[in-house]
Amino acid sequence: MKLSNETISILKNFGAINQGIFFKKGKTLKTVSSHKNILVQANINEEVPADFGVYDLNNFLSVISLSSDPTFEFEDKNVVIVGNKGRSKTKYRFCEPSMIVTPPEKELSMPDPEITIDFSTEDFGDIMRTAAVLSSPQIAVESNGSKVSLITLDTANDSAHTNTLEIGSGDEKVYRMIFKTENLSKILPGSYTVNISSKGIAHFKNKDVDLQYWITTEQGSKFGA
């Protein structure tokens, strides 16, 4: 088995959400944050041939990066990373699922969303950079009925710096849905269709890659005037 650059990029993103990962046989990768407030799923082109756990995903990726074109051979308790045109072989031990935080087996049932918007790559990148510069701990998706904006803010500090970025027209719905900036920063850059439920969860679906995130909203979110 080989891993494409796209899959490596997705795994690096997973490593920022959860230190460990349990690979399931097939083409679907899943992980969940330790606080269970971020769930992510990706469908990849490669076929994972066996179930196995990796305790430190970032370390695993660092080992993979030691070779320019590695391949993978699977044993009962190890994956053998073969590099340097077959001259280098690294045995990387599997870990038990109990040693890592794993996502639920059952598919997440997303409540019917009241809000559907689009994040362009440019707008999403802009608001994340702005939030970092302003040290804004939250980002809100807000509508006054006529326009939809992304707002950087600090809900615990009315005197904090803020930024408002208009991203589209409203549909007469009034709402303010708040997310932790830290959580949104875990999303791989790109353009997304975003569905948000007033029941406390949002679904971010990448428009170019088969990649999706479920992220909880924060206290203070409200739907309706």
N, C-alpha and C. Protein backbone atom coordinates (compact mmCIF):
# COMPACT_ATOMS: atom_id res chain seq x y z
N MET A 1 0.83 -1.20 0.00
CA MET A 1 0.00 0.00 0.00
C MET A 1 0.87 1.25 0.00
N LYS A 2 0.43 2.29 -0.72
CA LYS A 2 1.06 3.60 -0.69
C LYS A 2 0.01 4.62 -0.28
N LEU A 3 0.47 5.77 0.22
CA LEU A 3 -0.43 6.85 0.60
C LEU A 3 -0.17 8.06 -0.28
N SER A 4 -1.24 8.64 -0.83
CA SER A 4 -1.11 9.83 -1.66
C SER A 4 -0.81 11.05 -0.81
N ASN A 5 -0.35 12.11 -1.45
CA ASN A 5 -0.09 13.37 -0.74
C ASN A 5 -1.38 13.91 -0.12
N GLU A 6 -2.50 13.72 -0.80
CA GLU A 6 -3.79 14.18 -0.27
C GLU A 6 -4.13 13.46 1.02
N THR A 7 -3.93 12.15 1.04
CA THR A 7 -4.21 11.37 2.24
C THR A 7 -3.27 11.75 3.38
N ILE A 8 -2.00 11.97 3.05
CA ILE A 8 -1.04 12.42 4.08
C ILE A 8 -1.49 13.75 4.67
N SER A 9 -1.96 14.66 3.83
CA SER A 9 -2.44 15.97 4.30
C SER A 9 -3.63 15.80 5.23
N ILE A 10 -4.54 14.90 4.89
CA ILE A 10 -5.70 14.63 5.74
C ILE A 10 -5.26 14.05 7.08
N LEU A 11 -4.31 13.13 7.06
CA LEU A 11 -3.83 12.52 8.30
C LEU A 11 -3.12 13.55 9.18
N LYS A 12 -2.39 14.48 8.59
CA LYS A 12 -1.78 15.55 9.37
C LYS A 12 -2.85 16.37 10.07
N ASN A 13 -3.94 16.64 9.36
CA ASN A 13 -5.07 17.35 9.94
C ASN A 13 -5.68 16.55 11.08
N PHE A 14 -5.83 15.24 10.90
CA PHE A 14 -6.36 14.38 11.96
C PHE A 14 -5.46 14.43 13.19
N GLY A 15 -4.15 14.50 12.95
CA GLY A 15 -3.19 14.54 14.05
C GLY A 15 -3.30 15.79 14.90
N ALA A 16 -3.86 16.85 14.33
CA ALA A 16 -4.08 18.09 15.10
C ALA A 16 -5.35 18.01 15.94
N ILE A 17 -6.20 17.03 15.66
CA ILE A 17 -7.47 16.86 16.37
C ILE A 17 -7.36 15.81 17.47
N ASN A 18 -6.63 14.75 17.18
CA ASN A 18 -6.49 13.64 18.13
C ASN A 18 -5.09 13.06 17.97
N GLN A 19 -4.38 12.88 19.08
CA GLN A 19 -3.02 12.35 19.02
C GLN A 19 -2.98 10.97 18.37
N GLY A 20 -3.96 10.13 18.66
CA GLY A 20 -3.97 8.78 18.13
C GLY A 20 -5.05 8.58 17.09
N ILE A 21 -4.99 7.43 16.43
CA ILE A 21 -6.03 7.10 15.45
C ILE A 21 -6.16 5.59 15.36
N PHE A 22 -7.40 5.14 15.14
CA PHE A 22 -7.62 3.73 14.89
C PHE A 22 -8.08 3.59 13.44
N PHE A 23 -7.23 3.00 12.62
CA PHE A 23 -7.55 2.78 11.21
C PHE A 23 -8.48 1.58 11.10
N LYS A 24 -9.55 1.75 10.35
CA LYS A 24 -10.47 0.65 10.08
C LYS A 24 -10.28 0.18 8.64
N LYS A 25 -10.42 -1.11 8.44
CA LYS A 25 -10.29 -1.68 7.11
C LYS A 25 -11.27 -1.01 6.15
N GLY A 26 -10.76 -0.60 4.98
CA GLY A 26 -11.61 0.07 4.00
C GLY A 26 -11.05 1.42 3.59
N LYS A 27 -11.91 2.30 3.13
CA LYS A 27 -11.49 3.59 2.58
C LYS A 27 -11.95 4.79 3.40
N THR A 28 -12.49 4.54 4.59
CA THR A 28 -13.00 5.62 5.43
C THR A 28 -12.12 5.81 6.66
N LEU A 29 -11.69 7.05 6.87
CA LEU A 29 -10.91 7.41 8.06
C LEU A 29 -11.79 8.28 8.95
N LYS A 30 -11.72 8.04 10.26
CA LYS A 30 -12.47 8.85 11.23
C LYS A 30 -11.59 9.14 12.44
N THR A 31 -11.84 10.29 13.04
CA THR A 31 -11.24 10.57 14.34
C THR A 31 -12.13 11.53 15.09
N VAL A 32 -11.88 11.66 16.39
CA VAL A 32 -12.68 12.54 17.25
C VAL A 32 -11.74 13.18 18.25
N SER A 33 -12.03 14.41 18.63
CA SER A 33 -11.21 15.11 19.62
C SER A 33 -11.41 14.50 21.00
N SER A 34 -10.47 14.75 21.88
CA SER A 34 -10.53 14.18 23.23
C SER A 34 -11.77 14.66 23.99
N HIS A 35 -12.25 15.88 23.69
CA HIS A 35 -13.44 16.42 24.36
C HIS A 35 -14.73 16.03 23.63
N LYS A 36 -14.61 15.28 22.54
CA LYS A 36 -15.75 14.81 21.75
C LYS A 36 -16.56 15.95 21.14
N ASN A 37 -15.92 17.11 20.93
CA ASN A 37 -16.64 18.23 20.34
C ASN A 37 -16.28 18.45 18.87
N ILE A 38 -15.37 17.63 18.34
CA ILE A 38 -15.04 17.65 16.91
C ILE A 38 -14.99 16.21 16.43
N LEU A 39 -15.77 15.91 15.42
CA LEU A 39 -15.72 14.60 14.76
C LEU A 39 -15.41 14.85 13.30
N VAL A 40 -14.50 14.07 12.73
CA VAL A 40 -14.12 14.28 11.32
C VAL A 40 -14.09 12.94 10.61
N GLN A 41 -14.50 12.97 9.35
CA GLN A 41 -14.51 11.76 8.53
C GLN A 41 -14.01 12.10 7.14
N ALA A 42 -13.19 11.23 6.58
CA ALA A 42 -12.70 11.39 5.20
C ALA A 42 -12.76 10.06 4.49
N ASN A 43 -13.13 10.11 3.23
CA ASN A 43 -13.06 8.92 2.38
C ASN A 43 -11.88 9.10 1.45
N ILE A 44 -10.97 8.14 1.44
CA ILE A 44 -9.73 8.24 0.69
C ILE A 44 -9.73 7.25 -0.47
N ASN A 45 -8.78 7.44 -1.38
CA ASN A 45 -8.69 6.56 -2.55
C ASN A 45 -8.05 5.21 -2.21
N GLU A 46 -7.18 5.20 -1.19
CA GLU A 46 -6.49 3.98 -0.81
C GLU A 46 -7.40 3.04 -0.03
N GLU A 47 -7.09 1.77 -0.10
CA GLU A 47 -7.81 0.75 0.67
C GLU A 47 -6.95 0.32 1.84
N VAL A 48 -7.37 0.65 3.06
CA VAL A 48 -6.65 0.20 4.25
C VAL A 48 -6.93 -1.30 4.42
N PRO A 49 -5.90 -2.16 4.45
CA PRO A 49 -6.14 -3.59 4.41
C PRO A 49 -6.46 -4.24 5.75
N ALA A 50 -6.30 -3.51 6.85
CA ALA A 50 -6.50 -4.13 8.16
C ALA A 50 -6.86 -3.08 9.19
N ASP A 51 -7.49 -3.51 10.30
CA ASP A 51 -7.73 -2.63 11.44
C ASP A 51 -6.45 -2.53 12.27
N PHE A 52 -6.06 -1.31 12.63
CA PHE A 52 -4.89 -1.16 13.50
C PHE A 52 -4.89 0.22 14.14
N GLY A 53 -4.28 0.29 15.33
CA GLY A 53 -4.21 1.54 16.07
C GLY A 53 -2.82 2.13 16.05
N VAL A 54 -2.77 3.47 15.99
CA VAL A 54 -1.51 4.22 16.10
C VAL A 54 -1.65 5.18 17.27
N TYR A 55 -0.77 5.02 18.26
CA TYR A 55 -0.87 5.83 19.48
C TYR A 55 -0.49 7.28 19.23
N ASP A 56 0.55 7.53 18.42
CA ASP A 56 1.03 8.89 18.15
C ASP A 56 1.06 9.10 16.64
N LEU A 57 -0.01 9.65 16.10
CA LEU A 57 -0.15 9.80 14.65
C LEU A 57 0.91 10.72 14.07
N ASN A 58 1.24 11.81 14.76
CA ASN A 58 2.24 12.73 14.24
C ASN A 58 3.62 12.08 14.17
N ASN A 59 3.93 11.25 15.15
CA ASN A 59 5.18 10.50 15.11
C ASN A 59 5.18 9.52 13.93
N PHE A 60 4.06 8.84 13.74
CA PHE A 60 3.90 7.90 12.63
C PHE A 60 4.13 8.61 11.29
N LEU A 61 3.57 9.80 11.14
CA LEU A 61 3.74 10.57 9.91
C LEU A 61 5.18 11.04 9.73
N SER A 62 5.86 11.35 10.85
CA SER A 62 7.27 11.74 10.78
C SER A 62 8.13 10.57 10.28
N VAL A 63 7.80 9.37 10.75
CA VAL A 63 8.54 8.19 10.28
C VAL A 63 8.30 7.98 8.79
N ILE A 64 7.05 8.16 8.36
CA ILE A 64 6.73 8.01 6.93
C ILE A 64 7.52 9.02 6.10
N SER A 65 7.68 10.23 6.62
CA SER A 65 8.35 11.30 5.86
C SER A 65 9.85 11.06 5.69
N LEU A 66 10.41 10.10 6.40
CA LEU A 66 11.83 9.81 6.25
C LEU A 66 12.16 9.23 4.88
N SER A 67 11.15 8.69 4.19
CA SER A 67 11.35 8.13 2.86
C SER A 67 10.53 8.91 1.85
N SER A 68 11.05 9.06 0.64
CA SER A 68 10.37 9.85 -0.38
C SER A 68 9.20 9.10 -1.01
N ASP A 69 9.25 7.79 -1.06
CA ASP A 69 8.18 7.03 -1.69
C ASP A 69 7.96 5.71 -0.93
N PRO A 70 7.48 5.81 0.32
CA PRO A 70 7.37 4.60 1.15
C PRO A 70 6.18 3.72 0.74
N THR A 71 6.31 2.45 1.03
CA THR A 71 5.20 1.51 0.91
C THR A 71 4.98 0.86 2.27
N PHE A 72 3.85 0.18 2.42
CA PHE A 72 3.47 -0.36 3.72
C PHE A 72 3.12 -1.84 3.59
N GLU A 73 3.70 -2.63 4.49
CA GLU A 73 3.41 -4.05 4.55
C GLU A 73 2.87 -4.35 5.95
N PHE A 74 1.77 -5.09 6.03
CA PHE A 74 1.09 -5.28 7.30
C PHE A 74 1.35 -6.67 7.87
N GLU A 75 1.69 -6.69 9.16
CA GLU A 75 1.87 -7.91 9.92
C GLU A 75 0.85 -7.92 11.06
N ASP A 76 0.87 -8.95 11.89
CA ASP A 76 -0.13 -9.08 12.95
C ASP A 76 -0.10 -7.92 13.94
N LYS A 77 1.10 -7.51 14.34
CA LYS A 77 1.23 -6.48 15.37
C LYS A 77 2.02 -5.26 14.90
N ASN A 78 2.37 -5.21 13.63
CA ASN A 78 3.19 -4.11 13.11
C ASN A 78 2.75 -3.75 11.70
N VAL A 79 3.10 -2.53 11.33
CA VAL A 79 3.13 -2.17 9.92
C VAL A 79 4.60 -1.91 9.58
N VAL A 80 5.06 -2.47 8.49
CA VAL A 80 6.45 -2.29 8.06
C VAL A 80 6.47 -1.18 7.01
N ILE A 81 7.17 -0.12 7.32
CA ILE A 81 7.30 1.02 6.40
C ILE A 81 8.58 0.80 5.60
N VAL A 82 8.42 0.58 4.32
CA VAL A 82 9.54 0.23 3.45
C VAL A 82 9.94 1.45 2.63
N GLY A 83 11.22 1.85 2.75
CA GLY A 83 11.71 3.03 2.03
C GLY A 83 13.07 2.79 1.40
N ASN A 84 13.62 3.87 0.86
CA ASN A 84 14.94 3.80 0.22
C ASN A 84 15.04 2.64 -0.78
N LYS A 85 14.01 2.57 -1.65
CA LYS A 85 13.97 1.55 -2.70
C LYS A 85 14.08 0.13 -2.13
N GLY A 86 13.42 -0.07 -0.98
CA GLY A 86 13.38 -1.38 -0.37
C GLY A 86 14.51 -1.70 0.57
N ARG A 87 15.47 -0.79 0.70
CA ARG A 87 16.65 -1.06 1.54
C ARG A 87 16.39 -0.75 3.01
N SER A 88 15.36 0.08 3.29
CA SER A 88 15.05 0.46 4.68
C SER A 88 13.68 -0.10 5.07
N LYS A 89 13.63 -0.73 6.25
CA LYS A 89 12.37 -1.26 6.75
C LYS A 89 12.21 -0.90 8.23
N THR A 90 11.15 -0.16 8.51
CA THR A 90 10.86 0.24 9.89
C THR A 90 9.60 -0.47 10.36
N LYS A 91 9.74 -1.24 11.45
CA LYS A 91 8.58 -1.89 12.05
C LYS A 91 7.93 -0.93 13.03
N TYR A 92 6.71 -0.57 12.75
CA TYR A 92 5.98 0.36 13.61
C TYR A 92 4.87 -0.42 14.31
N ARG A 93 4.94 -0.46 15.65
CA ARG A 93 4.02 -1.29 16.43
C ARG A 93 2.62 -0.69 16.48
N PHE A 94 1.62 -1.54 16.38
CA PHE A 94 0.24 -1.13 16.57
C PHE A 94 -0.04 -0.92 18.06
N CYS A 95 -1.10 -0.19 18.36
CA CYS A 95 -1.56 -0.08 19.76
C CYS A 95 -3.00 -0.55 19.84
N GLU A 96 -3.44 -0.86 21.04
CA GLU A 96 -4.81 -1.30 21.26
C GLU A 96 -5.78 -0.11 21.18
N PRO A 97 -6.99 -0.33 20.70
CA PRO A 97 -7.97 0.77 20.64
C PRO A 97 -8.21 1.44 21.99
N SER A 98 -8.08 0.67 23.08
CA SER A 98 -8.34 1.21 24.42
C SER A 98 -7.32 2.28 24.81
N MET A 99 -6.20 2.37 24.09
CA MET A 99 -5.16 3.32 24.43
C MET A 99 -5.39 4.69 23.79
N ILE A 100 -6.37 4.79 22.93
CA ILE A 100 -6.61 6.06 22.23
C ILE A 100 -8.10 6.40 22.28
N VAL A 101 -8.41 7.67 22.07
CA VAL A 101 -9.80 8.11 21.99
C VAL A 101 -10.30 7.81 20.58
N THR A 102 -11.33 6.99 20.48
CA THR A 102 -11.84 6.58 19.18
C THR A 102 -13.26 7.10 18.96
N PRO A 103 -13.63 7.36 17.72
CA PRO A 103 -14.99 7.84 17.43
C PRO A 103 -16.01 6.75 17.65
N PRO A 104 -17.27 7.13 17.84
CA PRO A 104 -18.31 6.11 18.04
C PRO A 104 -18.51 5.27 16.78
N GLU A 105 -18.86 4.01 16.98
CA GLU A 105 -19.12 3.13 15.84
C GLU A 105 -20.38 3.58 15.08
N LYS A 106 -21.37 4.04 15.82
CA LYS A 106 -22.63 4.44 15.21
C LYS A 106 -22.47 5.74 14.44
N GLU A 107 -23.10 5.82 13.27
CA GLU A 107 -23.07 7.04 12.47
C GLU A 107 -23.76 8.17 13.23
N LEU A 108 -23.17 9.37 13.15
CA LEU A 108 -23.76 10.53 13.80
C LEU A 108 -25.03 10.94 13.07
N SER A 109 -26.10 11.15 13.82
CA SER A 109 -27.36 11.61 13.25
C SER A 109 -27.44 13.13 13.41
N MET A 110 -27.27 13.84 12.31
CA MET A 110 -27.29 15.30 12.34
C MET A 110 -28.73 15.80 12.38
N PRO A 111 -29.10 16.62 13.37
CA PRO A 111 -30.46 17.18 13.39
C PRO A 111 -30.71 18.03 12.14
N ASP A 112 -31.96 18.19 11.78
CA ASP A 112 -32.28 19.03 10.63
C ASP A 112 -31.76 20.46 10.87
N PRO A 113 -30.92 20.98 9.97
CA PRO A 113 -30.34 22.29 10.19
C PRO A 113 -31.30 23.42 9.80
N GLU A 114 -31.30 24.47 10.59
CA GLU A 114 -32.07 25.67 10.23
C GLU A 114 -31.26 26.62 9.35
N ILE A 115 -29.93 26.43 9.35
CA ILE A 115 -29.03 27.37 8.67
C ILE A 115 -28.16 26.61 7.68
N THR A 116 -28.08 27.11 6.45
CA THR A 116 -27.16 26.58 5.45
C THR A 116 -26.44 27.74 4.79
N ILE A 117 -25.12 27.75 4.86
CA ILE A 117 -24.32 28.81 4.26
C ILE A 117 -23.10 28.19 3.59
N ASP A 118 -22.39 29.00 2.83
CA ASP A 118 -21.15 28.57 2.19
C ASP A 118 -19.98 29.41 2.70
N PHE A 119 -18.88 28.73 2.98
CA PHE A 119 -17.61 29.40 3.30
C PHE A 119 -16.70 29.24 2.10
N SER A 120 -16.27 30.34 1.50
CA SER A 120 -15.26 30.23 0.45
C SER A 120 -13.89 30.04 1.09
N THR A 121 -12.96 29.52 0.32
CA THR A 121 -11.60 29.33 0.82
C THR A 121 -11.02 30.65 1.30
N GLU A 122 -11.27 31.71 0.51
CA GLU A 122 -10.71 33.03 0.82
C GLU A 122 -11.31 33.59 2.11
N ASP A 123 -12.63 33.54 2.23
CA ASP A 123 -13.29 34.10 3.42
C ASP A 123 -12.93 33.32 4.68
N PHE A 124 -12.90 32.00 4.55
CA PHE A 124 -12.58 31.17 5.71
C PHE A 124 -11.14 31.43 6.17
N GLY A 125 -10.23 31.52 5.21
CA GLY A 125 -8.84 31.81 5.55
C GLY A 125 -8.68 33.19 6.15
N ASP A 126 -9.42 34.17 5.61
CA ASP A 126 -9.32 35.54 6.10
C ASP A 126 -9.79 35.65 7.55
N ILE A 127 -10.93 35.03 7.87
CA ILE A 127 -11.45 35.17 9.23
C ILE A 127 -10.58 34.43 10.24
N MET A 128 -9.97 33.31 9.82
CA MET A 128 -9.10 32.59 10.73
C MET A 128 -7.82 33.39 11.01
N ARG A 129 -7.26 34.02 9.97
CA ARG A 129 -6.06 34.85 10.19
C ARG A 129 -6.39 36.05 11.07
N THR A 130 -7.55 36.65 10.84
CA THR A 130 -7.95 37.82 11.62
C THR A 130 -8.16 37.44 13.08
N ALA A 131 -8.81 36.32 13.32
CA ALA A 131 -9.02 35.87 14.69
C ALA A 131 -7.70 35.62 15.41
N ALA A 132 -6.72 35.11 14.68
CA ALA A 132 -5.40 34.85 15.28
C ALA A 132 -4.71 36.16 15.64
N VAL A 133 -4.76 37.13 14.74
CA VAL A 133 -4.10 38.42 14.99
C VAL A 133 -4.78 39.17 16.14
N LEU A 134 -6.11 39.10 16.19
CA LEU A 134 -6.85 39.81 17.24
C LEU A 134 -6.97 39.00 18.53
N SER A 135 -6.43 37.79 18.52
CA SER A 135 -6.53 36.88 19.69
C SER A 135 -7.98 36.68 20.11
N SER A 136 -8.84 36.47 19.11
CA SER A 136 -10.27 36.27 19.38
C SER A 136 -10.54 34.80 19.70
N PRO A 137 -11.05 34.49 20.88
CA PRO A 137 -11.28 33.09 21.25
C PRO A 137 -12.51 32.47 20.60
N GLN A 138 -13.41 33.32 20.04
CA GLN A 138 -14.60 32.80 19.38
C GLN A 138 -14.79 33.44 18.00
N ILE A 139 -15.50 32.69 17.17
CA ILE A 139 -15.96 33.19 15.87
C ILE A 139 -17.44 32.88 15.78
N ALA A 140 -18.23 33.88 15.40
CA ALA A 140 -19.68 33.69 15.28
C ALA A 140 -20.11 33.78 13.82
N VAL A 141 -21.07 32.93 13.48
CA VAL A 141 -21.80 33.08 12.22
C VAL A 141 -23.09 33.79 12.58
N GLU A 142 -23.26 34.99 12.02
CA GLU A 142 -24.37 35.84 12.47
C GLU A 142 -25.17 36.37 11.30
N SER A 143 -26.48 36.41 11.47
CA SER A 143 -27.37 37.00 10.47
C SER A 143 -28.36 37.93 11.14
N ASN A 144 -28.55 39.11 10.54
CA ASN A 144 -29.58 40.04 11.03
C ASN A 144 -30.84 39.96 10.18
N GLY A 145 -30.88 38.95 9.32
CA GLY A 145 -32.02 38.77 8.43
C GLY A 145 -31.76 39.18 7.01
N SER A 146 -30.89 40.19 6.83
CA SER A 146 -30.60 40.68 5.48
C SER A 146 -29.20 40.32 5.01
N LYS A 147 -28.28 40.09 5.94
CA LYS A 147 -26.92 39.70 5.56
C LYS A 147 -26.33 38.74 6.58
N VAL A 148 -25.42 37.92 6.10
CA VAL A 148 -24.74 36.93 6.95
C VAL A 148 -23.27 37.34 7.06
N SER A 149 -22.75 37.29 8.27
CA SER A 149 -21.37 37.71 8.51
C SER A 149 -20.66 36.70 9.40
N LEU A 150 -19.33 36.70 9.28
CA LEU A 150 -18.46 36.01 10.22
C LEU A 150 -17.87 37.07 11.13
N ILE A 151 -17.93 36.85 12.44
CA ILE A 151 -17.48 37.85 13.39
C ILE A 151 -16.48 37.22 14.36
N THR A 152 -15.34 37.87 14.52
CA THR A 152 -14.39 37.45 15.56
C THR A 152 -14.74 38.20 16.83
N LEU A 153 -14.70 37.51 17.98
CA LEU A 153 -15.13 38.16 19.22
C LEU A 153 -14.59 37.42 20.43
N ASP A 154 -14.81 38.04 21.56
CA ASP A 154 -14.52 37.44 22.86
C ASP A 154 -15.77 37.61 23.70
N THR A 155 -16.53 36.54 23.87
CA THR A 155 -17.82 36.65 24.56
C THR A 155 -17.67 37.02 26.03
N ALA A 156 -16.47 36.90 26.57
CA ALA A 156 -16.25 37.24 27.98
C ALA A 156 -15.69 38.65 28.15
N ASN A 157 -15.51 39.38 27.05
CA ASN A 157 -14.87 40.70 27.14
C ASN A 157 -15.48 41.63 26.09
N ASP A 158 -16.40 42.49 26.53
CA ASP A 158 -17.08 43.41 25.62
C ASP A 158 -16.14 44.45 25.03
N SER A 159 -14.99 44.66 25.65
CA SER A 159 -14.05 45.68 25.16
C SER A 159 -13.00 45.10 24.22
N ALA A 160 -13.11 43.83 23.88
CA ALA A 160 -12.12 43.19 23.01
C ALA A 160 -12.26 43.69 21.58
N HIS A 161 -11.17 43.61 20.81
CA HIS A 161 -11.21 43.92 19.40
C HIS A 161 -12.10 42.91 18.68
N THR A 162 -12.83 43.37 17.66
CA THR A 162 -13.67 42.48 16.87
C THR A 162 -13.49 42.78 15.39
N ASN A 163 -13.89 41.84 14.56
CA ASN A 163 -13.87 42.04 13.11
C ASN A 163 -15.13 41.41 12.54
N THR A 164 -15.74 42.07 11.56
CA THR A 164 -16.93 41.55 10.90
C THR A 164 -16.64 41.41 9.41
N LEU A 165 -16.91 40.22 8.88
CA LEU A 165 -16.70 39.95 7.47
C LEU A 165 -18.02 39.48 6.87
N GLU A 166 -18.61 40.29 5.99
CA GLU A 166 -19.86 39.92 5.35
C GLU A 166 -19.60 38.84 4.30
N ILE A 167 -20.37 37.76 4.36
CA ILE A 167 -20.12 36.64 3.43
C ILE A 167 -21.30 36.30 2.54
N GLY A 168 -22.46 36.96 2.76
CA GLY A 168 -23.60 36.64 1.90
C GLY A 168 -24.87 37.34 2.35
N SER A 169 -25.91 37.12 1.56
CA SER A 169 -27.21 37.70 1.86
C SER A 169 -27.98 36.81 2.83
N GLY A 170 -28.80 37.43 3.65
CA GLY A 170 -29.60 36.67 4.59
C GLY A 170 -30.90 36.19 3.97
N ASP A 171 -31.62 35.34 4.68
CA ASP A 171 -32.91 34.81 4.19
C ASP A 171 -33.99 35.09 5.22
N GLU A 172 -33.87 36.24 5.89
CA GLU A 172 -34.81 36.72 6.90
C GLU A 172 -34.67 36.00 8.23
N LYS A 173 -33.79 35.03 8.33
CA LYS A 173 -33.54 34.36 9.60
C LYS A 173 -32.55 35.18 10.42
N VAL A 174 -32.80 35.25 11.72
CA VAL A 174 -31.91 35.98 12.63
C VAL A 174 -31.27 34.97 13.58
N TYR A 175 -29.96 35.02 13.68
CA TYR A 175 -29.26 34.06 14.54
C TYR A 175 -27.84 34.52 14.83
N ARG A 176 -27.28 33.93 15.84
CA ARG A 176 -25.85 34.06 16.14
C ARG A 176 -25.37 32.71 16.67
N MET A 177 -24.56 32.02 15.88
CA MET A 177 -24.05 30.71 16.24
C MET A 177 -22.55 30.85 16.51
N ILE A 178 -22.15 30.51 17.72
CA ILE A 178 -20.79 30.78 18.19
C ILE A 178 -19.96 29.50 18.21
N PHE A 179 -18.72 29.61 17.73
CA PHE A 179 -17.78 28.50 17.73
C PHE A 179 -16.49 28.92 18.41
N LYS A 180 -15.80 27.99 19.04
CA LYS A 180 -14.46 28.27 19.52
C LYS A 180 -13.52 28.40 18.32
N THR A 181 -12.73 29.45 18.32
CA THR A 181 -11.74 29.63 17.24
C THR A 181 -10.81 28.42 17.18
N GLU A 182 -10.45 27.90 18.35
CA GLU A 182 -9.58 26.74 18.42
C GLU A 182 -10.16 25.56 17.65
N ASN A 183 -11.47 25.37 17.74
CA ASN A 183 -12.10 24.25 17.04
C ASN A 183 -12.13 24.47 15.53
N LEU A 184 -12.47 25.68 15.11
CA LEU A 184 -12.50 25.96 13.67
C LEU A 184 -11.11 25.90 13.05
N SER A 185 -10.10 26.18 13.86
CA SER A 185 -8.73 26.14 13.34
C SER A 185 -8.30 24.72 12.98
N LYS A 186 -9.06 23.72 13.45
CA LYS A 186 -8.74 22.33 13.16
C LYS A 186 -9.25 21.89 11.78
N ILE A 187 -10.04 22.75 11.13
CA ILE A 187 -10.58 22.41 9.82
C ILE A 187 -9.53 22.64 8.75
N LEU A 188 -9.36 21.68 7.86
CA LEU A 188 -8.41 21.80 6.76
C LEU A 188 -8.86 22.95 5.87
N PRO A 189 -7.95 23.87 5.49
CA PRO A 189 -8.35 25.00 4.64
C PRO A 189 -9.05 24.54 3.36
N GLY A 190 -10.05 25.31 2.96
CA GLY A 190 -10.80 24.98 1.75
C GLY A 190 -12.14 25.66 1.75
N SER A 191 -12.98 25.32 0.78
CA SER A 191 -14.33 25.86 0.71
C SER A 191 -15.30 24.81 1.25
N TYR A 192 -16.32 25.28 1.97
CA TYR A 192 -17.22 24.36 2.67
C TYR A 192 -18.68 24.79 2.54
N THR A 193 -19.55 23.80 2.49
CA THR A 193 -20.97 24.02 2.75
C THR A 193 -21.20 23.71 4.22
N VAL A 194 -21.83 24.66 4.91
CA VAL A 194 -21.99 24.54 6.36
C VAL A 194 -23.47 24.49 6.72
N ASN A 195 -23.87 23.43 7.40
CA ASN A 195 -25.23 23.31 7.93
C ASN A 195 -25.16 23.39 9.45
N ILE A 196 -25.97 24.27 10.03
CA ILE A 196 -25.93 24.49 11.47
C ILE A 196 -27.30 24.24 12.07
N SER A 197 -27.34 23.47 13.13
CA SER A 197 -28.59 23.21 13.85
C SER A 197 -28.61 24.00 15.15
N SER A 198 -29.77 24.50 15.50
CA SER A 198 -29.93 25.21 16.77
C SER A 198 -29.78 24.27 17.96
N LYS A 199 -29.73 22.97 17.69
CA LYS A 199 -29.57 21.98 18.76
C LYS A 199 -28.12 21.82 19.18
N GLY A 200 -27.21 22.62 18.60
CA GLY A 200 -25.85 22.67 19.13
C GLY A 200 -24.78 22.01 18.32
N ILE A 201 -25.04 21.76 17.04
CA ILE A 201 -24.01 21.11 16.22
C ILE A 201 -24.04 21.65 14.80
N ALA A 202 -22.87 21.67 14.17
CA ALA A 202 -22.74 22.14 12.79
C ALA A 202 -21.98 21.10 11.97
N HIS A 203 -22.32 21.04 10.70
CA HIS A 203 -21.70 20.10 9.76
C HIS A 203 -20.99 20.90 8.67
N PHE A 204 -19.68 20.67 8.54
CA PHE A 204 -18.87 21.34 7.54
C PHE A 204 -18.46 20.31 6.49
N LYS A 205 -18.89 20.49 5.25
CA LYS A 205 -18.59 19.54 4.17
C LYS A 205 -17.71 20.22 3.13
N ASN A 206 -16.51 19.69 2.92
CA ASN A 206 -15.58 20.24 1.95
C ASN A 206 -16.12 20.04 0.54
N LYS A 207 -16.01 21.08 -0.29
CA LYS A 207 -16.57 21.01 -1.64
C LYS A 207 -15.64 20.32 -2.64
N ASP A 208 -14.37 20.15 -2.29
CA ASP A 208 -13.40 19.61 -3.24
C ASP A 208 -12.84 18.25 -2.84
N VAL A 209 -12.90 17.94 -1.56
CA VAL A 209 -12.36 16.69 -1.04
C VAL A 209 -13.47 15.99 -0.26
N ASP A 210 -13.48 14.66 -0.25
CA ASP A 210 -14.51 13.93 0.49
C ASP A 210 -14.15 13.94 1.97
N LEU A 211 -14.40 15.10 2.58
CA LEU A 211 -13.97 15.39 3.95
C LEU A 211 -15.05 16.18 4.64
N GLN A 212 -15.41 15.77 5.87
CA GLN A 212 -16.47 16.49 6.59
C GLN A 212 -16.20 16.48 8.09
N TYR A 213 -16.65 17.56 8.72
CA TYR A 213 -16.46 17.76 10.16
C TYR A 213 -17.81 18.03 10.80
N TRP A 214 -17.96 17.55 12.03
CA TRP A 214 -19.09 17.92 12.88
C TRP A 214 -18.51 18.61 14.11
N ILE A 215 -18.94 19.84 14.36
CA ILE A 215 -18.37 20.65 15.44
C ILE A 215 -19.50 21.24 16.27
N THR A 216 -19.36 21.19 17.58
CA THR A 216 -20.40 21.72 18.45
C THR A 216 -20.35 23.25 18.49
N THR A 217 -21.52 23.86 18.65
CA THR A 217 -21.58 25.29 18.89
C THR A 217 -21.42 25.55 20.39
N GLU A 218 -21.21 26.83 20.73
CA GLU A 218 -20.89 27.18 22.12
C GLU A 218 -22.05 27.89 22.82
N GLN A 219 -21.92 27.97 24.12
CA GLN A 219 -22.90 28.67 24.94
C GLN A 219 -23.04 30.10 24.46
N GLY A 220 -24.26 30.60 24.41
CA GLY A 220 -24.53 31.95 23.91
C GLY A 220 -25.04 31.95 22.50
N SER A 221 -24.96 30.80 21.82
CA SER A 221 -25.53 30.70 20.47
C SER A 221 -27.06 30.81 20.57
N LYS A 222 -27.65 31.44 19.57
CA LYS A 222 -29.11 31.56 19.58
C LYS A 222 -29.64 31.61 18.15
N PHE A 223 -30.82 31.06 17.98
CA PHE A 223 -31.52 31.09 16.70
C PHE A 223 -32.85 31.77 16.91
N GLY A 224 -33.13 32.82 16.15
CA GLY A 224 -34.35 33.60 16.34
C GLY A 224 -34.03 34.90 17.04
N ALA A 225 -34.90 35.87 16.85
CA ALA A 225 -34.68 37.21 17.44
C ALA A 225 -34.72 37.17 18.95
